[in-house]
Amino acid sequence: MKTIILCLIFSVLVATVLSDECNPGDTKKIDCNSCKCTNGVWACSRRLCISRPTRETHCTPGSTFKKDCNTCVCNQDGTNAACTLKACL
């Protein structure tokens, strides 16, 4: 299953890169990969990009709270929080 997903991600990356024209020296980012134009063709790194789901939290500004086994701290306007990333068993 992981192999299929990796092949799919790579295929999409290659299709995207091959379809774009570029000028030598141009650079761009595709997900977590860096690309540079060489001789009119995009050359990109091949990192596996793991996206983290976005989470929107409404909390009391500056407060600390638990989420599973992780500790979170609310930001100054109460719209999000930064949490530890422990693997909760």
PDB file of N, CA and C in Angstrom:
ATOM      1  N   MET A   1       0.826  -1.198   0.000  1.00  0.00           N
ATOM      2  CA  MET A   1       0.000   0.000   0.000  1.00  0.00           C
ATOM      3  C   MET A   1       0.869   1.260   0.000  1.00  0.00           C
ATOM      4  N   LYS A   2       1.937   1.260   0.842  1.00  0.00           N
ATOM      5  CA  LYS A   2       2.817   2.424   0.902  1.00  0.00           C
ATOM      6  C   LYS A   2       3.500   2.651  -0.435  1.00  0.00           C
ATOM      7  N   THR A   3       3.863   1.553  -1.116  1.00  0.00           N
ATOM      8  CA  THR A   3       4.525   1.662  -2.410  1.00  0.00           C
ATOM      9  C   THR A   3       3.602   2.318  -3.435  1.00  0.00           C
ATOM     10  N   ILE A   4       2.339   1.940  -3.414  1.00  0.00           N
ATOM     11  CA  ILE A   4       1.368   2.517  -4.346  1.00  0.00           C
ATOM     12  C   ILE A   4       1.221   4.011  -4.098  1.00  0.00           C
ATOM     13  N   ILE A   5       1.126   4.395  -2.836  1.00  0.00           N
ATOM     14  CA  ILE A   5       0.981   5.808  -2.487  1.00  0.00           C
ATOM     15  C   ILE A   5       2.221   6.592  -2.920  1.00  0.00           C
ATOM     16  N   LEU A   6       3.405   6.043  -2.655  1.00  0.00           N
ATOM     17  CA  LEU A   6       4.642   6.716  -3.049  1.00  0.00           C
ATOM     18  C   LEU A   6       4.720   6.874  -4.563  1.00  0.00           C
ATOM     19  N   CYS A   7       4.333   5.833  -5.310  1.00  0.00           N
ATOM     20  CA  CYS A   7       4.345   5.919  -6.775  1.00  0.00           C
ATOM     21  C   CYS A   7       3.369   6.971  -7.267  1.00  0.00           C
ATOM     22  N   LEU A   8       2.210   7.036  -6.640  1.00  0.00           N
ATOM     23  CA  LEU A   8       1.210   8.025  -7.029  1.00  0.00           C
ATOM     24  C   LEU A   8       1.723   9.440  -6.774  1.00  0.00           C
ATOM     25  N   ILE A   9       2.292   9.661  -5.612  1.00  0.00           N
ATOM     26  CA  ILE A   9       2.833  10.988  -5.272  1.00  0.00           C
ATOM     27  C   ILE A   9       3.938  11.355  -6.255  1.00  0.00           C
ATOM     28  N   PHE A  10       4.832  10.414  -6.552  1.00  0.00           N
ATOM     29  CA  PHE A  10       5.928  10.676  -7.473  1.00  0.00           C
ATOM     30  C   PHE A  10       5.390  10.988  -8.870  1.00  0.00           C
ATOM     31  N   SER A  11       4.379  10.234  -9.327  1.00  0.00           N
ATOM     32  CA  SER A  11       3.793  10.455 -10.650  1.00  0.00           C
ATOM     33  C   SER A  11       3.177  11.843 -10.758  1.00  0.00           C
ATOM     34  N   VAL A  12       2.467  12.260  -9.725  1.00  0.00           N
ATOM     35  CA  VAL A  12       1.861  13.590  -9.722  1.00  0.00           C
ATOM     36  C   VAL A  12       2.948  14.652  -9.745  1.00  0.00           C
ATOM     37  N   LEU A  13       4.000  14.456  -8.969  1.00  0.00           N
ATOM     38  CA  LEU A  13       5.105  15.412  -8.929  1.00  0.00           C
ATOM     39  C   LEU A  13       5.772  15.515 -10.289  1.00  0.00           C
ATOM     40  N   VAL A  14       6.051  14.380 -10.931  1.00  0.00           N
ATOM     41  CA  VAL A  14       6.701  14.384 -12.240  1.00  0.00           C
ATOM     42  C   VAL A  14       5.796  15.037 -13.280  1.00  0.00           C
ATOM     43  N   ALA A  15       4.505  14.708 -13.266  1.00  0.00           N
ATOM     44  CA  ALA A  15       3.568  15.294 -14.235  1.00  0.00           C
ATOM     45  C   ALA A  15       3.498  16.804 -14.067  1.00  0.00           C
ATOM     46  N   THR A  16       3.459  17.260 -12.825  1.00  0.00           N
ATOM     47  CA  THR A  16       3.403  18.695 -12.555  1.00  0.00           C
ATOM     48  C   THR A  16       4.677  19.379 -13.040  1.00  0.00           C
ATOM     49  N   VAL A  17       5.812  18.772 -12.743  1.00  0.00           N
ATOM     50  CA  VAL A  17       7.091  19.370 -13.100  1.00  0.00           C
ATOM     51  C   VAL A  17       7.275  19.384 -14.614  1.00  0.00           C
ATOM     52  N   LEU A  18       6.924  18.311 -15.296  1.00  0.00           N
ATOM     53  CA  LEU A  18       7.132  18.231 -16.732  1.00  0.00           C
ATOM     54  C   LEU A  18       6.203  19.149 -17.518  1.00  0.00           C
ATOM     55  N   SER A  19       5.050  19.477 -16.947  1.00  0.00           N
ATOM     56  CA  SER A  19       4.095  20.301 -17.675  1.00  0.00           C
ATOM     57  C   SER A  19       4.419  21.802 -17.593  1.00  0.00           C
ATOM     58  N   ASP A  20       5.288  22.197 -16.685  1.00  0.00           N
ATOM     59  CA  ASP A  20       5.624  23.613 -16.511  1.00  0.00           C
ATOM     60  C   ASP A  20       6.876  23.974 -17.309  1.00  0.00           C
ATOM     61  N   GLU A  21       6.806  25.105 -18.000  1.00  0.00           N
ATOM     62  CA  GLU A  21       7.990  25.634 -18.652  1.00  0.00           C
ATOM     63  C   GLU A  21       8.718  26.508 -17.645  1.00  0.00           C
ATOM     64  N   CYS A  22      10.032  26.635 -17.824  1.00  0.00           N
ATOM     65  CA  CYS A  22      10.778  27.454 -16.869  1.00  0.00           C
ATOM     66  C   CYS A  22      11.974  28.100 -17.545  1.00  0.00           C
ATOM     67  N   ASN A  23      12.515  29.079 -16.848  1.00  0.00           N
ATOM     68  CA  ASN A  23      13.725  29.767 -17.298  1.00  0.00           C
ATOM     69  C   ASN A  23      14.887  29.322 -16.425  1.00  0.00           C
ATOM     70  N   PRO A  24      16.048  29.041 -17.025  1.00  0.00           N
ATOM     71  CA  PRO A  24      17.196  28.588 -16.231  1.00  0.00           C
ATOM     72  C   PRO A  24      17.447  29.485 -15.018  1.00  0.00           C
ATOM     73  N   GLY A  25      17.626  28.853 -13.876  1.00  0.00           N
ATOM     74  CA  GLY A  25      17.859  29.577 -12.632  1.00  0.00           C
ATOM     75  C   GLY A  25      16.616  29.794 -11.795  1.00  0.00           C
ATOM     76  N   ASP A  26      15.406  29.628 -12.388  1.00  0.00           N
ATOM     77  CA  ASP A  26      14.161  29.766 -11.619  1.00  0.00           C
ATOM     78  C   ASP A  26      14.110  28.695 -10.535  1.00  0.00           C
ATOM     79  N   THR A  27      13.469  29.007  -9.424  1.00  0.00           N
ATOM     80  CA  THR A  27      13.270  28.036  -8.348  1.00  0.00           C
ATOM     81  C   THR A  27      11.820  28.065  -7.911  1.00  0.00           C
ATOM     82  N   LYS A  28      11.356  26.963  -7.327  1.00  0.00           N
ATOM     83  CA  LYS A  28      10.015  26.903  -6.749  1.00  0.00           C
ATOM     84  C   LYS A  28       9.946  25.743  -5.776  1.00  0.00           C
ATOM     85  N   LYS A  29       8.891  25.739  -4.971  1.00  0.00           N
ATOM     86  CA  LYS A  29       8.630  24.662  -4.022  1.00  0.00           C
ATOM     87  C   LYS A  29       7.375  23.936  -4.461  1.00  0.00           C
ATOM     88  N   ILE A  30       7.395  22.619  -4.404  1.00  0.00           N
ATOM     89  CA  ILE A  30       6.209  21.792  -4.600  1.00  0.00           C
ATOM     90  C   ILE A  30       6.098  20.948  -3.341  1.00  0.00           C
ATOM     91  N   ASP A  31       5.087  21.230  -2.543  1.00  0.00           N
ATOM     92  CA  ASP A  31       4.946  20.613  -1.225  1.00  0.00           C
ATOM     93  C   ASP A  31       6.227  20.862  -0.443  1.00  0.00           C
ATOM     94  N   CYS A  32       6.923  19.803  -0.013  1.00  0.00           N
ATOM     95  CA  CYS A  32       8.151  19.990   0.764  1.00  0.00           C
ATOM     96  C   CYS A  32       9.399  19.859  -0.110  1.00  0.00           C
ATOM     97  N   ASN A  33       9.231  19.752  -1.424  1.00  0.00           N
ATOM     98  CA  ASN A  33      10.356  19.580  -2.338  1.00  0.00           C
ATOM     99  C   ASN A  33      10.780  20.906  -2.957  1.00  0.00           C
ATOM    100  N   SER A  34      12.090  21.035  -3.181  1.00  0.00           N
ATOM    101  CA  SER A  34      12.661  22.223  -3.820  1.00  0.00           C
ATOM    102  C   SER A  34      12.964  21.889  -5.267  1.00  0.00           C
ATOM    103  N   CYS A  35      12.647  22.833  -6.172  1.00  0.00           N
ATOM    104  CA  CYS A  35      12.884  22.625  -7.601  1.00  0.00           C
ATOM    105  C   CYS A  35      13.724  23.766  -8.147  1.00  0.00           C
ATOM    106  N   LYS A  36      14.561  23.438  -9.133  1.00  0.00           N
ATOM    107  CA  LYS A  36      15.377  24.439  -9.808  1.00  0.00           C
ATOM    108  C   LYS A  36      15.313  24.158 -11.308  1.00  0.00           C
ATOM    109  N   CYS A  37      15.194  25.203 -12.088  1.00  0.00           N
ATOM    110  CA  CYS A  37      15.138  25.064 -13.543  1.00  0.00           C
ATOM    111  C   CYS A  37      16.555  24.953 -14.090  1.00  0.00           C
ATOM    112  N   THR A  38      16.806  23.874 -14.827  1.00  0.00           N
ATOM    113  CA  THR A  38      18.095  23.646 -15.454  1.00  0.00           C
ATOM    114  C   THR A  38      17.859  23.323 -16.925  1.00  0.00           C
ATOM    115  N   ASN A  39      18.400  24.133 -17.811  1.00  0.00           N
ATOM    116  CA  ASN A  39      18.226  23.937 -19.258  1.00  0.00           C
ATOM    117  C   ASN A  39      16.754  23.852 -19.662  1.00  0.00           C
ATOM    118  N   GLY A  40      15.906  24.658 -19.036  1.00  0.00           N
ATOM    119  CA  GLY A  40      14.484  24.709 -19.387  1.00  0.00           C
ATOM    120  C   GLY A  40      13.639  23.590 -18.810  1.00  0.00           C
ATOM    121  N   VAL A  41      14.211  22.765 -17.931  1.00  0.00           N
ATOM    122  CA  VAL A  41      13.495  21.637 -17.329  1.00  0.00           C
ATOM    123  C   VAL A  41      13.607  21.728 -15.813  1.00  0.00           C
ATOM    124  N   TRP A  42      12.494  21.483 -15.114  1.00  0.00           N
ATOM    125  CA  TRP A  42      12.495  21.515 -13.659  1.00  0.00           C
ATOM    126  C   TRP A  42      13.163  20.259 -13.109  1.00  0.00           C
ATOM    127  N   ALA A  43      14.088  20.431 -12.168  1.00  0.00           N
ATOM    128  CA  ALA A  43      14.714  19.336 -11.436  1.00  0.00           C
ATOM    129  C   ALA A  43      14.344  19.522  -9.975  1.00  0.00           C
ATOM    130  N   CYS A  44      13.690  18.507  -9.400  1.00  0.00           N
ATOM    131  CA  CYS A  44      13.172  18.630  -8.030  1.00  0.00           C
ATOM    132  C   CYS A  44      13.711  17.543  -7.125  1.00  0.00           C
ATOM    133  N   SER A  45      13.811  17.876  -5.832  1.00  0.00           N
ATOM    134  CA  SER A  45      14.143  16.856  -4.849  1.00  0.00           C
ATOM    135  C   SER A  45      12.978  15.873  -4.788  1.00  0.00           C
ATOM    136  N   ARG A  46      13.207  14.717  -4.198  1.00  0.00           N
ATOM    137  CA  ARG A  46      12.179  13.671  -4.168  1.00  0.00           C
ATOM    138  C   ARG A  46      11.860  13.250  -2.744  1.00  0.00           C
ATOM    139  N   ARG A  47      11.649  14.202  -1.890  1.00  0.00           N
ATOM    140  CA  ARG A  47      11.303  13.904  -0.502  1.00  0.00           C
ATOM    141  C   ARG A  47       9.857  13.444  -0.403  1.00  0.00           C
ATOM    142  N   LEU A  48       9.599  12.565   0.520  1.00  0.00           N
ATOM    143  CA  LEU A  48       8.223  12.168   0.811  1.00  0.00           C
ATOM    144  C   LEU A  48       7.631  13.234   1.718  1.00  0.00           C
ATOM    145  N   CYS A  49       6.613  13.907   1.251  1.00  0.00           N
ATOM    146  CA  CYS A  49       5.997  14.995   2.007  1.00  0.00           C
ATOM    147  C   CYS A  49       4.842  14.439   2.834  1.00  0.00           C
ATOM    148  N   ILE A  50       4.939  14.585   4.116  1.00  0.00           N
ATOM    149  CA  ILE A  50       3.876  14.134   5.003  1.00  0.00           C
ATOM    150  C   ILE A  50       3.161  15.364   5.523  1.00  0.00           C
ATOM    151  N   SER A  51       1.921  15.493   5.140  1.00  0.00           N
ATOM    152  CA  SER A  51       1.173  16.672   5.574  1.00  0.00           C
ATOM    153  C   SER A  51       0.521  16.398   6.914  1.00  0.00           C
ATOM    154  N   ARG A  52       0.526  17.399   7.732  1.00  0.00           N
ATOM    155  CA  ARG A  52      -0.144  17.309   9.027  1.00  0.00           C
ATOM    156  C   ARG A  52      -1.520  17.943   8.889  1.00  0.00           C
ATOM    157  N   PRO A  53      -2.521  17.312   9.451  1.00  0.00           N
ATOM    158  CA  PRO A  53      -3.846  17.922   9.365  1.00  0.00           C
ATOM    159  C   PRO A  53      -3.870  19.246  10.135  1.00  0.00           C
ATOM    160  N   THR A  54      -4.566  20.204   9.585  1.00  0.00           N
ATOM    161  CA  THR A  54      -4.676  21.478  10.297  1.00  0.00           C
ATOM    162  C   THR A  54      -5.732  21.336  11.376  1.00  0.00           C
ATOM    163  N   ARG A  55      -5.484  21.962  12.464  1.00  0.00           N
ATOM    164  CA  ARG A  55      -6.451  21.895  13.561  1.00  0.00           C
ATOM    165  C   ARG A  55      -6.741  23.319  14.007  1.00  0.00           C
ATOM    166  N   GLU A  56      -7.975  23.613  14.135  1.00  0.00           N
ATOM    167  CA  GLU A  56      -8.353  24.933  14.608  1.00  0.00           C
ATOM    168  C   GLU A  56      -8.919  24.759  16.006  1.00  0.00           C
ATOM    169  N   THR A  57      -8.369  25.467  16.936  1.00  0.00           N
ATOM    170  CA  THR A  57      -8.763  25.352  18.325  1.00  0.00           C
ATOM    171  C   THR A  57      -9.212  26.720  18.824  1.00  0.00           C
ATOM    172  N   HIS A  58     -10.258  26.732  19.585  1.00  0.00           N
ATOM    173  CA  HIS A  58     -10.679  27.963  20.251  1.00  0.00           C
ATOM    174  C   HIS A  58     -10.446  27.735  21.733  1.00  0.00           C
ATOM    175  N   CYS A  59      -9.605  28.565  22.315  1.00  0.00           N
ATOM    176  CA  CYS A  59      -9.223  28.376  23.710  1.00  0.00           C
ATOM    177  C   CYS A  59      -8.994  29.738  24.357  1.00  0.00           C
ATOM    178  N   THR A  60      -8.790  29.701  25.654  1.00  0.00           N
ATOM    179  CA  THR A  60      -8.526  30.928  26.403  1.00  0.00           C
ATOM    180  C   THR A  60      -7.073  31.344  26.161  1.00  0.00           C
ATOM    181  N   PRO A  61      -6.847  32.556  25.648  1.00  0.00           N
ATOM    182  CA  PRO A  61      -5.483  32.999  25.348  1.00  0.00           C
ATOM    183  C   PRO A  61      -4.529  32.785  26.523  1.00  0.00           C
ATOM    184  N   GLY A  62      -3.381  32.151  26.218  1.00  0.00           N
ATOM    185  CA  GLY A  62      -2.356  31.909  27.226  1.00  0.00           C
ATOM    186  C   GLY A  62      -2.595  30.709  28.118  1.00  0.00           C
ATOM    187  N   SER A  63      -3.744  30.039  27.981  1.00  0.00           N
ATOM    188  CA  SER A  63      -4.043  28.901  28.852  1.00  0.00           C
ATOM    189  C   SER A  63      -3.287  27.652  28.410  1.00  0.00           C
ATOM    190  N   THR A  64      -3.134  26.724  29.331  1.00  0.00           N
ATOM    191  CA  THR A  64      -2.508  25.432  29.071  1.00  0.00           C
ATOM    192  C   THR A  64      -3.564  24.372  29.292  1.00  0.00           C
ATOM    193  N   PHE A  65      -3.603  23.364  28.408  1.00  0.00           N
ATOM    194  CA  PHE A  65      -4.577  22.285  28.560  1.00  0.00           C
ATOM    195  C   PHE A  65      -3.999  20.990  28.003  1.00  0.00           C
ATOM    196  N   LYS A  66      -4.638  19.868  28.350  1.00  0.00           N
ATOM    197  CA  LYS A  66      -4.208  18.553  27.898  1.00  0.00           C
ATOM    198  C   LYS A  66      -5.068  18.113  26.729  1.00  0.00           C
ATOM    199  N   LYS A  67      -4.422  17.487  25.737  1.00  0.00           N
ATOM    200  CA  LYS A  67      -5.129  16.841  24.635  1.00  0.00           C
ATOM    201  C   LYS A  67      -4.522  15.455  24.541  1.00  0.00           C
ATOM    202  N   ASP A  68      -5.299  14.440  24.909  1.00  0.00           N
ATOM    203  CA  ASP A  68      -4.788  13.079  25.087  1.00  0.00           C
ATOM    204  C   ASP A  68      -3.654  13.155  26.117  1.00  0.00           C
ATOM    205  N   CYS A  69      -2.444  12.684  25.773  1.00  0.00           N
ATOM    206  CA  CYS A  69      -1.332  12.744  26.725  1.00  0.00           C
ATOM    207  C   CYS A  69      -0.418  13.941  26.460  1.00  0.00           C
ATOM    208  N   ASN A  70      -0.801  14.816  25.545  1.00  0.00           N
ATOM    209  CA  ASN A  70       0.010  15.973  25.177  1.00  0.00           C
ATOM    210  C   ASN A  70      -0.438  17.240  25.898  1.00  0.00           C
ATOM    211  N   THR A  71       0.508  18.143  26.092  1.00  0.00           N
ATOM    212  CA  THR A  71       0.228  19.424  26.719  1.00  0.00           C
ATOM    213  C   THR A  71       0.199  20.490  25.644  1.00  0.00           C
ATOM    214  N   CYS A  72      -0.819  21.350  25.669  1.00  0.00           N
ATOM    215  CA  CYS A  72      -0.992  22.401  24.673  1.00  0.00           C
ATOM    216  C   CYS A  72      -1.004  23.767  25.354  1.00  0.00           C
ATOM    217  N   VAL A  73      -0.520  24.761  24.632  1.00  0.00           N
ATOM    218  CA  VAL A  73      -0.540  26.143  25.111  1.00  0.00           C
ATOM    219  C   VAL A  73      -1.272  26.975  24.065  1.00  0.00           C
ATOM    220  N   CYS A  74      -2.290  27.693  24.497  1.00  0.00           N
ATOM    221  CA  CYS A  74      -3.103  28.516  23.608  1.00  0.00           C
ATOM    222  C   CYS A  74      -2.344  29.776  23.197  1.00  0.00           C
ATOM    223  N   ASN A  75      -2.518  30.191  21.930  1.00  0.00           N
ATOM    224  CA  ASN A  75      -1.840  31.403  21.465  1.00  0.00           C
ATOM    225  C   ASN A  75      -2.498  32.662  22.040  1.00  0.00           C
ATOM    226  N   GLN A  76      -1.957  33.828  21.701  1.00  0.00           N
ATOM    227  CA  GLN A  76      -2.393  35.085  22.324  1.00  0.00           C
ATOM    228  C   GLN A  76      -3.800  35.530  21.950  1.00  0.00           C
ATOM    229  N   ASP A  77      -4.302  35.092  20.778  1.00  0.00           N
ATOM    230  CA  ASP A  77      -5.662  35.508  20.420  1.00  0.00           C
ATOM    231  C   ASP A  77      -6.699  34.389  20.566  1.00  0.00           C
ATOM    232  N   GLY A  78      -6.269  33.226  21.078  1.00  0.00           N
ATOM    233  CA  GLY A  78      -7.207  32.142  21.366  1.00  0.00           C
ATOM    234  C   GLY A  78      -7.703  31.375  20.155  1.00  0.00           C
ATOM    235  N   THR A  79      -7.026  31.524  19.014  1.00  0.00           N
ATOM    236  CA  THR A  79      -7.488  30.851  17.796  1.00  0.00           C
ATOM    237  C   THR A  79      -6.774  29.545  17.499  1.00  0.00           C
ATOM    238  N   ASN A  80      -5.658  29.264  18.181  1.00  0.00           N
ATOM    239  CA  ASN A  80      -4.915  28.044  17.932  1.00  0.00           C
ATOM    240  C   ASN A  80      -4.042  27.729  19.134  1.00  0.00           C
ATOM    241  N   ALA A  81      -3.462  26.527  19.130  1.00  0.00           N
ATOM    242  CA  ALA A  81      -2.611  26.118  20.235  1.00  0.00           C
ATOM    243  C   ALA A  81      -1.435  25.313  19.716  1.00  0.00           C
ATOM    244  N   ALA A  82      -0.314  25.386  20.408  1.00  0.00           N
ATOM    245  CA  ALA A  82       0.863  24.582  20.111  1.00  0.00           C
ATOM    246  C   ALA A  82       0.910  23.451  21.121  1.00  0.00           C
ATOM    247  N   CYS A  83       1.026  22.214  20.629  1.00  0.00           N
ATOM    248  CA  CYS A  83       0.987  21.048  21.509  1.00  0.00           C
ATOM    249  C   CYS A  83       2.248  20.199  21.352  1.00  0.00           C
ATOM    250  N   THR A  84       2.595  19.497  22.427  1.00  0.00           N
ATOM    251  CA  THR A  84       3.666  18.516  22.320  1.00  0.00           C
ATOM    252  C   THR A  84       3.193  17.408  21.388  1.00  0.00           C
ATOM    253  N   LEU A  85       4.117  16.620  20.867  1.00  0.00           N
ATOM    254  CA  LEU A  85       3.768  15.583  19.887  1.00  0.00           C
ATOM    255  C   LEU A  85       4.134  14.186  20.386  1.00  0.00           C
ATOM    256  N   LYS A  86       3.771  13.874  21.616  1.00  0.00           N
ATOM    257  CA  LYS A  86       4.041  12.553  22.183  1.00  0.00           C
ATOM    258  C   LYS A  86       3.111  11.523  21.535  1.00  0.00           C
ATOM    259  N   ALA A  87       3.619  10.322  21.368  1.00  0.00           N
ATOM    260  CA  ALA A  87       2.785   9.218  20.867  1.00  0.00           C
ATOM    261  C   ALA A  87       1.991   8.674  22.050  1.00  0.00           C
ATOM    262  N   CYS A  88       0.720   8.923  22.086  1.00  0.00           N
ATOM    263  CA  CYS A  88      -0.120   8.503  23.200  1.00  0.00           C
ATOM    264  C   CYS A  88      -0.535   7.048  23.004  1.00  0.00           C
ATOM    265  N   LEU A  89      -0.245   6.226  23.981  1.00  0.00           N
ATOM    266  CA  LEU A  89      -0.610   4.803  23.902  1.00  0.00           C
ATOM    267  C   LEU A  89      -1.808   4.494  24.737  1.00  0.00           C
TER     268      LEU A  89
END
